[in-house]
N, C-alpha and C. Protein backbone atom coordinates (compact mmCIF):
# COMPACT_ATOMS: atom_id res chain seq x y z
N MET A 1 30.03 -20.61 2.67
CA MET A 1 29.36 -19.81 1.95
C MET A 1 27.49 -19.35 2.41
N ALA A 2 27.39 -20.17 2.47
CA ALA A 2 25.71 -19.76 3.04
C ALA A 2 25.56 -18.86 4.58
N LYS A 3 27.25 -18.70 5.49
CA LYS A 3 26.83 -18.09 6.14
C LYS A 3 27.15 -16.50 6.07
N ASP A 4 27.98 -16.29 4.98
CA ASP A 4 27.89 -15.24 4.27
C ASP A 4 26.70 -14.76 3.25
N ASN A 5 25.99 -15.48 2.87
CA ASN A 5 24.47 -15.61 2.29
C ASN A 5 23.53 -14.83 3.39
N SER A 6 23.30 -15.39 4.60
CA SER A 6 22.88 -14.88 5.82
C SER A 6 23.48 -13.85 6.07
N LEU A 7 24.54 -13.51 6.18
CA LEU A 7 25.11 -12.49 6.43
C LEU A 7 24.71 -10.93 5.60
N SER A 8 24.67 -11.19 4.58
CA SER A 8 24.37 -10.63 3.49
C SER A 8 23.00 -10.11 3.98
N LEU A 9 22.08 -11.37 3.50
CA LEU A 9 20.49 -11.01 3.80
C LEU A 9 20.28 -9.82 5.12
N GLU A 10 21.34 -10.24 6.42
CA GLU A 10 20.54 -9.30 7.53
C GLU A 10 21.26 -8.12 7.06
N LEU A 11 21.89 -7.95 6.14
CA LEU A 11 22.31 -6.25 6.22
C LEU A 11 21.56 -5.56 5.18
N HIS A 12 21.17 -6.63 4.78
CA HIS A 12 19.95 -5.95 3.29
C HIS A 12 18.77 -5.74 4.40
N LYS A 13 18.59 -6.53 5.09
CA LYS A 13 16.75 -5.97 6.42
C LYS A 13 17.29 -5.12 6.82
N ILE A 14 18.77 -4.77 7.85
CA ILE A 14 18.75 -3.59 8.61
C ILE A 14 18.60 -2.28 8.06
N ILE A 15 18.75 -2.65 6.23
CA ILE A 15 19.07 -1.45 5.53
C ILE A 15 17.91 -1.14 5.16
N GLY A 16 16.80 -2.03 4.70
CA GLY A 16 16.08 -2.02 4.40
C GLY A 16 14.65 -1.98 5.77
N GLN A 17 14.83 -1.98 7.09
CA GLN A 17 14.21 -1.46 7.79
C GLN A 17 14.40 0.07 8.45
N ARG A 18 15.70 0.12 7.89
CA ARG A 18 15.78 1.95 7.80
C ARG A 18 15.24 2.93 7.23
N ILE A 19 15.38 2.00 6.32
CA ILE A 19 14.32 2.88 4.83
C ILE A 19 13.35 3.45 5.08
N ASP A 20 12.40 1.92 5.57
CA ASP A 20 11.34 2.01 6.16
C ASP A 20 10.74 2.76 7.13
N ALA A 21 11.50 2.89 8.11
CA ALA A 21 11.37 4.33 9.29
C ALA A 21 11.72 5.40 8.95
N GLY A 22 12.30 5.59 7.21
CA GLY A 22 12.78 6.63 7.12
C GLY A 22 13.96 7.70 7.84
N GLN A 23 14.61 6.52 8.43
CA GLN A 23 16.41 6.66 8.82
C GLN A 23 17.14 7.25 7.94
N ILE A 24 18.55 7.12 8.33
CA ILE A 24 19.77 7.59 7.41
C ILE A 24 20.05 6.23 7.61
N ALA A 25 20.95 5.62 6.61
CA ALA A 25 21.55 4.11 6.98
C ALA A 25 23.10 4.46 6.85
N GLN A 26 23.32 4.61 7.71
CA GLN A 26 24.91 4.73 7.88
C GLN A 26 25.98 3.77 8.04
N PRO A 27 26.87 3.63 7.13
CA PRO A 27 27.18 2.13 7.17
C PRO A 27 28.24 1.59 8.60
N SER A 28 28.70 2.36 8.90
CA SER A 28 29.28 2.31 10.76
C SER A 28 27.98 2.00 11.45
N GLN A 29 27.00 2.65 11.53
CA GLN A 29 25.95 2.01 12.18
C GLN A 29 24.82 0.60 11.75
N ILE A 30 24.94 0.31 10.64
CA ILE A 30 24.32 -1.08 10.37
C ILE A 30 25.34 -2.11 10.59
N VAL A 31 26.59 -1.77 10.58
CA VAL A 31 27.70 -2.96 11.26
C VAL A 31 27.50 -3.38 12.87
N GLU A 32 27.10 -1.53 13.49
CA GLU A 32 27.13 -1.88 15.18
C GLU A 32 26.01 -2.58 14.86
N GLU A 33 24.66 -2.66 14.41
CA GLU A 33 23.39 -3.52 14.46
C GLU A 33 23.64 -4.63 14.28
N ALA A 34 24.51 -4.80 12.70
CA ALA A 34 24.20 -6.63 13.08
C ALA A 34 25.24 -7.43 13.84
N PHE A 35 26.35 -6.69 14.55
CA PHE A 35 27.59 -6.72 15.89
C PHE A 35 26.41 -7.14 16.70
N ARG A 36 25.44 -6.30 17.10
CA ARG A 36 24.52 -6.43 18.56
C ARG A 36 23.61 -7.90 18.25
N ASN A 37 22.94 -7.69 17.17
CA ASN A 37 22.52 -8.99 16.48
C ASN A 37 23.17 -10.24 16.67
N ARG A 38 24.20 -10.16 16.39
CA ARG A 38 25.53 -11.42 16.53
C ARG A 38 26.81 -11.28 17.18
N PRO A 39 26.53 -10.85 18.23
CA PRO A 39 27.72 -10.55 19.36
C PRO A 39 29.04 -11.33 19.16
N LEU A 40 30.04 -10.96 18.97
CA LEU A 40 31.38 -11.80 19.22
C LEU A 40 31.47 -12.08 20.61
N THR A 41 32.22 -12.95 20.86
CA THR A 41 32.34 -13.43 22.47
C THR A 41 33.83 -14.02 22.12
N GLY A 42 34.33 -14.16 23.39
CA GLY A 42 35.81 -14.19 23.99
C GLY A 42 36.58 -13.55 24.14
N PRO A 43 37.53 -14.25 24.44
CA PRO A 43 39.59 -13.27 24.88
C PRO A 43 39.41 -12.00 23.72
N HIS A 44 39.24 -12.33 22.72
CA HIS A 44 39.69 -11.31 21.48
C HIS A 44 38.57 -11.21 20.94
N ALA A 45 37.69 -10.95 21.35
CA ALA A 45 36.44 -10.45 20.28
C ALA A 45 37.06 -9.00 19.76
N GLU A 46 37.35 -8.49 20.73
CA GLU A 46 37.00 -6.85 20.28
C GLU A 46 38.03 -6.79 19.32
N PHE A 47 39.15 -7.71 19.39
CA PHE A 47 40.38 -7.87 18.16
C PHE A 47 39.97 -8.29 16.54
N TYR A 48 38.60 -9.09 16.54
CA TYR A 48 38.04 -9.28 15.59
C TYR A 48 36.78 -8.96 15.24
N LYS A 49 36.58 -8.22 16.17
CA LYS A 49 35.35 -7.52 15.57
C LYS A 49 35.86 -6.07 15.09
N ALA A 50 37.34 -5.35 15.79
CA ALA A 50 37.81 -3.71 14.62
C ALA A 50 38.38 -4.59 13.53
N PHE A 51 38.28 -5.72 13.40
CA PHE A 51 39.13 -6.42 11.98
C PHE A 51 37.76 -6.10 11.40
N ALA A 52 36.58 -7.13 11.40
CA ALA A 52 35.63 -7.06 10.64
C ALA A 52 35.00 -5.77 10.32
N LYS A 53 35.16 -4.92 11.51
CA LYS A 53 34.01 -3.80 11.45
C LYS A 53 34.56 -2.97 9.83
N LYS A 54 36.19 -2.94 9.81
CA LYS A 54 36.47 -2.05 8.78
C LYS A 54 36.21 -3.25 7.06
N GLN A 55 36.09 -3.94 6.66
CA GLN A 55 35.46 -4.96 5.93
C GLN A 55 33.92 -5.10 5.86
N LEU A 56 32.81 -4.59 6.81
CA LEU A 56 31.92 -4.76 6.89
C LEU A 56 30.80 -3.75 6.47
N VAL A 57 31.98 -2.42 6.94
CA VAL A 57 31.75 -1.13 6.69
C VAL A 57 31.56 -1.23 5.23
N SER A 58 32.73 -1.29 4.24
CA SER A 58 33.45 -1.25 3.13
C SER A 58 31.78 -2.37 2.32
N VAL A 59 31.96 -3.19 2.72
CA VAL A 59 30.73 -3.90 2.32
C VAL A 59 29.19 -3.17 2.17
N VAL A 60 28.84 -2.65 3.24
CA VAL A 60 28.12 -1.92 3.18
C VAL A 60 27.33 -0.70 2.24
N THR A 61 28.65 -0.51 2.21
CA THR A 61 29.28 0.83 1.76
C THR A 61 28.82 0.61 0.15
N GLN A 62 29.45 0.13 -0.28
CA GLN A 62 29.21 -0.70 -1.91
C GLN A 62 27.86 -0.77 -1.88
N MET A 63 26.80 -1.48 -1.23
CA MET A 63 25.42 -1.94 -0.85
C MET A 63 24.73 -0.57 -1.28
N LEU A 64 24.99 0.06 -0.78
CA LEU A 64 24.55 1.71 -0.88
C LEU A 64 24.66 2.72 -1.81
N LYS A 65 25.59 2.38 -2.35
CA LYS A 65 26.18 3.29 -3.22
C LYS A 65 25.37 2.96 -4.77
N ARG A 66 24.70 1.56 -4.67
CA ARG A 66 24.19 1.32 -6.40
C ARG A 66 22.55 1.71 -5.93
N ILE A 67 22.12 1.80 -5.44
CA ILE A 67 20.83 2.12 -4.91
C ILE A 67 20.85 3.90 -5.87
N GLY A 68 19.83 3.95 -6.24
CA GLY A 68 19.57 5.35 -6.92
C GLY A 68 20.37 5.45 -8.23
N MET A 69 21.23 4.77 -9.02
CA MET A 69 22.32 4.89 -9.63
C MET A 69 21.82 4.17 -10.73
N SER A 70 20.79 3.51 -11.45
CA SER A 70 20.65 2.82 -12.66
C SER A 70 19.65 3.58 -13.31
N ASP A 71 19.46 3.11 -14.31
CA ASP A 71 17.72 3.27 -15.18
C ASP A 71 17.24 2.40 -15.02
N ASP A 72 17.60 1.52 -14.71
CA ASP A 72 16.03 0.17 -14.49
C ASP A 72 15.41 0.93 -13.47
N PRO A 73 14.27 0.07 -13.28
CA PRO A 73 13.18 0.68 -12.38
C PRO A 73 13.64 -0.13 -11.28
N ALA A 74 13.48 0.94 -10.02
CA ALA A 74 13.94 0.73 -8.50
C ALA A 74 12.92 -0.63 -7.94
N PRO A 75 13.89 -1.34 -7.13
CA PRO A 75 13.24 -2.55 -6.43
C PRO A 75 12.07 -1.88 -6.05
N PRO A 76 10.66 -2.72 -5.99
CA PRO A 76 9.51 -1.87 -5.49
C PRO A 76 9.66 -1.54 -3.76
N GLN A 77 10.73 -2.16 -3.37
CA GLN A 77 10.52 -1.92 -1.79
C GLN A 77 11.24 -0.38 -1.85
N MET A 78 12.29 -0.11 -2.18
CA MET A 78 13.11 1.34 -2.75
C MET A 78 12.20 2.46 -3.31
N VAL A 79 10.85 2.12 -4.25
CA VAL A 79 10.37 2.68 -5.38
C VAL A 79 9.54 4.29 -4.01
N PHE A 80 10.08 5.71 -4.73
CA PHE A 80 9.17 6.83 -3.62
C PHE A 80 7.34 6.70 -4.37
N PRO A 81 6.79 6.49 -3.49
CA PRO A 81 5.02 6.36 -4.18
C PRO A 81 4.60 7.17 -5.14
N GLY A 82 4.76 6.63 -6.07
CA GLY A 82 4.67 7.82 -7.19
C GLY A 82 5.09 7.36 -8.31
N HIS A 83 6.34 6.62 -8.46
CA HIS A 83 7.24 7.05 -8.93
C HIS A 83 7.61 5.53 -9.76
N THR A 84 8.48 5.58 -10.60
CA THR A 84 9.04 4.08 -11.19
C THR A 84 10.39 3.99 -11.02
N ARG A 85 11.25 5.48 -11.19
CA ARG A 85 12.75 6.05 -10.72
C ARG A 85 13.38 5.88 -9.56
N LEU A 86 12.46 7.13 -9.26
CA LEU A 86 12.63 7.53 -7.92
C LEU A 86 12.56 6.86 -6.70
N VAL A 87 13.61 6.95 -6.07
CA VAL A 87 13.69 5.73 -4.81
C VAL A 87 13.54 7.03 -3.44
N LYS A 88 12.85 5.95 -2.30
CA LYS A 88 13.18 6.70 -1.34
C LYS A 88 13.93 7.41 -0.25
N SER A 89 15.87 6.82 -0.54
CA SER A 89 16.58 7.04 -0.27
C SER A 89 17.68 7.43 -1.20
N TYR A 90 18.55 7.93 -0.93
CA TYR A 90 19.74 8.48 -1.97
C TYR A 90 21.31 8.31 -1.24
N PRO A 91 22.19 7.13 -1.84
CA PRO A 91 23.35 7.27 -1.22
C PRO A 91 23.94 9.14 -1.62
N VAL A 92 24.55 9.61 -0.24
CA VAL A 92 25.25 10.91 -0.28
C VAL A 92 26.01 10.89 0.86
N ARG A 93 27.08 11.60 1.02
CA ARG A 93 28.45 12.02 2.00
C ARG A 93 27.52 12.63 2.97
N ARG A 94 28.03 11.55 4.00
CA ARG A 94 27.51 12.09 5.51
C ARG A 94 28.45 11.92 6.84
N ASN A 95 29.00 12.78 7.72
CA ASN A 95 29.87 12.45 8.52
C ASN A 95 31.02 11.10 7.88
N GLY A 96 31.91 11.46 6.58
CA GLY A 96 32.46 11.15 6.42
C GLY A 96 32.41 9.73 5.90
N GLU A 97 31.15 9.55 6.03
CA GLU A 97 30.60 8.09 5.29
C GLU A 97 30.01 8.62 3.87
N ARG A 98 29.70 7.56 2.91
CA ARG A 98 28.37 7.17 1.87
C ARG A 98 27.21 6.79 3.30
N ALA A 99 26.33 7.29 3.25
CA ALA A 99 25.31 6.83 3.54
C ALA A 99 23.67 7.24 2.46
N LEU A 100 22.92 5.88 3.34
CA LEU A 100 21.83 5.97 2.40
C LEU A 100 20.92 7.09 3.52
N VAL A 101 20.47 8.31 2.63
CA VAL A 101 19.68 9.51 3.16
C VAL A 101 17.95 9.56 2.88
N PRO A 102 17.17 9.51 3.61
CA PRO A 102 15.68 9.48 2.92
C PRO A 102 15.40 11.04 2.28
N LEU A 103 15.00 10.85 1.12
CA LEU A 103 14.68 11.70 0.17
C LEU A 103 14.35 12.63 0.43
N SER A 104 13.79 12.77 1.68
CA SER A 104 12.86 14.17 2.74
C SER A 104 13.95 15.00 3.57
N GLN A 105 15.34 13.85 3.72
CA GLN A 105 16.25 14.46 4.53
C GLN A 105 17.67 14.89 3.80
N CYS A 106 17.24 14.89 2.55
CA CYS A 106 18.49 15.42 1.71
C CYS A 106 18.13 16.67 1.31
N THR A 107 19.62 17.58 1.29
CA THR A 107 19.52 18.98 1.45
C THR A 107 19.12 19.38 -0.35
N PRO A 108 19.46 20.28 -0.28
CA PRO A 108 18.95 20.46 -2.13
C PRO A 108 20.28 20.43 -2.63
N GLN A 109 21.86 20.66 -1.97
CA GLN A 109 23.02 20.81 -2.73
C GLN A 109 23.40 18.67 -2.98
N GLU A 110 22.63 18.03 -1.93
CA GLU A 110 23.07 17.21 -2.08
C GLU A 110 22.14 16.37 -3.33
N LEU A 111 20.85 16.74 -3.41
CA LEU A 111 20.31 16.07 -4.20
C LEU A 111 20.40 17.04 -5.85
N SER A 112 21.16 17.89 -5.74
CA SER A 112 21.69 18.52 -6.69
C SER A 112 22.45 17.85 -7.83
N ASP A 113 23.91 17.51 -6.27
CA ASP A 113 24.91 16.51 -6.80
C ASP A 113 24.50 15.55 -7.37
N HIS A 114 23.48 15.04 -6.80
CA HIS A 114 23.08 13.32 -7.21
C HIS A 114 22.61 13.71 -8.73
N ILE A 115 21.74 14.83 -8.91
CA ILE A 115 21.56 14.94 -10.28
C ILE A 115 22.33 15.06 -11.46
N SER A 116 23.42 15.96 -11.37
CA SER A 116 24.68 16.06 -12.15
C SER A 116 25.50 14.68 -11.94
N LEU A 117 25.64 14.19 -10.81
CA LEU A 117 26.05 13.05 -11.38
C LEU A 117 25.38 11.73 -12.14
N LEU A 118 24.20 11.79 -11.86
CA LEU A 118 22.97 10.97 -12.65
C LEU A 118 23.68 11.71 -14.37
N ARG A 119 23.77 12.56 -14.56
CA ARG A 119 23.65 13.31 -16.04
C ARG A 119 25.13 13.15 -16.60
N LYS A 120 26.20 12.61 -15.90
CA LYS A 120 27.21 12.80 -15.89
C LYS A 120 27.47 11.32 -16.96
N GLN A 121 26.59 10.33 -15.62
CA GLN A 121 26.89 9.16 -15.82
C GLN A 121 26.42 8.82 -17.10
N ALA A 122 25.01 9.79 -17.60
CA ALA A 122 24.26 9.37 -18.77
C ALA A 122 25.28 9.41 -20.25
N LYS A 123 25.91 11.07 -19.64
CA LYS A 123 26.88 10.65 -20.89
C LYS A 123 27.71 10.27 -21.35
N GLY A 124 28.50 9.53 -20.28
CA GLY A 124 29.46 8.66 -19.95
C GLY A 124 29.30 7.46 -21.05
N CYS A 125 27.45 6.81 -20.83
CA CYS A 125 26.74 6.13 -21.36
C CYS A 125 26.49 5.99 -22.58
N GLU A 126 26.22 6.88 -23.14
CA GLU A 126 25.80 7.76 -24.45
C GLU A 126 27.58 7.79 -25.17
N ASN A 127 28.44 8.04 -24.77
CA ASN A 127 29.54 8.30 -25.47
C ASN A 127 30.59 6.98 -25.31
N HIS A 128 29.93 6.23 -24.40
CA HIS A 128 30.39 4.85 -24.63
C HIS A 128 29.25 3.68 -25.84
N ALA A 129 28.10 4.12 -26.02
CA ALA A 129 27.60 3.47 -26.87
C ALA A 129 27.86 3.73 -28.57
N THR A 130 28.43 5.24 -28.56
CA THR A 130 28.35 5.91 -29.34
C THR A 130 30.04 5.13 -30.29
N GLU A 131 30.85 5.21 -29.01
CA GLU A 131 32.20 4.60 -29.84
C GLU A 131 32.41 2.80 -29.79
N LEU A 132 31.24 1.91 -29.27
CA LEU A 132 30.77 0.68 -29.35
C LEU A 132 30.39 0.52 -30.64
N GLU A 133 29.52 1.45 -31.01
CA GLU A 133 28.38 1.14 -32.46
C GLU A 133 29.96 1.48 -33.58
N GLY A 134 30.30 2.78 -33.36
CA GLY A 134 31.50 2.64 -34.58
C GLY A 134 32.41 1.62 -34.70
N TYR A 135 32.75 0.92 -33.36
CA TYR A 135 33.90 -0.66 -33.76
C TYR A 135 32.86 -1.79 -34.26
N VAL A 136 31.34 -1.61 -33.80
CA VAL A 136 30.52 -2.57 -34.97
C VAL A 136 30.36 -2.32 -36.33
N ASN A 137 30.36 -1.32 -36.61
CA ASN A 137 30.40 -0.43 -37.74
C ASN A 137 31.61 -0.92 -38.65
N LYS A 138 32.71 -0.48 -38.01
CA LYS A 138 33.55 -0.89 -38.67
C LYS A 138 34.19 -2.06 -38.72
N ARG A 139 33.59 -2.80 -37.90
CA ARG A 139 33.77 -4.30 -37.65
C ARG A 139 33.12 -5.05 -38.68
N LEU A 140 31.82 -4.72 -39.14
CA LEU A 140 30.97 -5.18 -40.11
C LEU A 140 31.52 -4.74 -41.89
N SER A 141 31.92 -3.86 -41.40
CA SER A 141 32.49 -3.26 -42.69
C SER A 141 33.83 -3.81 -43.24
N VAL A 142 34.38 -4.55 -42.89
CA VAL A 142 35.86 -4.95 -42.62
C VAL A 142 35.76 -6.60 -43.13
N GLY A 143 34.64 -6.74 -42.20
CA GLY A 143 34.47 -8.31 -42.36
C GLY A 143 35.11 -9.02 -40.94
N ASP A 144 34.80 -9.60 -40.27
CA ASP A 144 34.98 -10.06 -38.60
C ASP A 144 36.16 -10.85 -38.81
N ALA A 145 36.97 -11.85 -39.86
CA ALA A 145 38.07 -12.50 -39.93
C ALA A 145 39.04 -11.10 -40.08
N ALA A 146 38.73 -10.31 -41.16
CA ALA A 146 40.37 -9.63 -41.16
C ALA A 146 40.08 -8.64 -40.08
N PHE A 147 38.86 -8.25 -39.56
CA PHE A 147 39.03 -7.45 -38.12
C PHE A 147 39.79 -7.65 -36.87
N ALA A 148 39.25 -9.27 -36.74
CA ALA A 148 40.29 -9.97 -35.97
C ALA A 148 41.62 -9.81 -35.99
N GLY A 149 41.99 -10.19 -36.99
CA GLY A 149 43.59 -10.09 -37.41
C GLY A 149 44.26 -8.73 -36.71
N GLN A 150 43.18 -7.93 -37.71
CA GLN A 150 43.96 -6.87 -37.25
C GLN A 150 43.64 -5.98 -35.74
N ALA A 151 43.26 -6.40 -35.06
CA ALA A 151 42.30 -6.02 -33.87
C ALA A 151 43.79 -7.03 -32.99
N VAL A 152 44.15 -8.32 -32.79
CA VAL A 152 45.13 -8.88 -32.39
C VAL A 152 46.68 -8.09 -32.77
N HIS A 153 46.78 -7.44 -33.90
CA HIS A 153 48.01 -6.83 -34.59
C HIS A 153 47.78 -5.67 -33.63
N GLN A 154 47.14 -4.65 -33.70
CA GLN A 154 47.17 -4.23 -32.37
C GLN A 154 47.52 -4.09 -31.40
N LEU A 155 47.10 -4.74 -30.44
CA LEU A 155 46.81 -5.06 -28.97
C LEU A 155 48.93 -5.28 -29.14
N GLU A 156 49.44 -5.98 -30.30
CA GLU A 156 50.88 -6.18 -29.76
C GLU A 156 51.94 -5.21 -29.77
N PRO A 157 53.23 -5.39 -29.14
CA PRO A 157 54.15 -4.54 -28.76
C PRO A 157 54.70 -3.92 -30.33
N ALA A 158 54.92 -2.69 -30.36
CA ALA A 158 55.69 -2.34 -31.26
C ALA A 158 57.21 -2.45 -31.46
């Protein structure tokens, strides 16, 4: 597990370095850099590298997708100067991959798409909160014990 953690830290470091340098963080490029830092050797190195690359690109893609997608204030190293939620780079689709692109290099369409996504998520969260609130109110009005029995009954096949 320690090795997984050190690899994760290395990937975060590479991403951070690219963000600080104002560069696009493309998953496949980040993985290639990680391979340069930790070269595979031996007669079957290319086989293992090809297998690992696909998995690592997926891991990096997931890491990049989370940036700029929360109502929580951004991590200090990601904050665009003068803001609390606006980040230095945003996840966008580039060259067939989800990449982390510096705010200044995002196209107006990419920024518009991200704004739309955030508004859609906000609406979804509001709908979820309303539905959960209705559940809680119904549960309180019926009483927990009676409601628990009713909920189990509703889950049973007819």
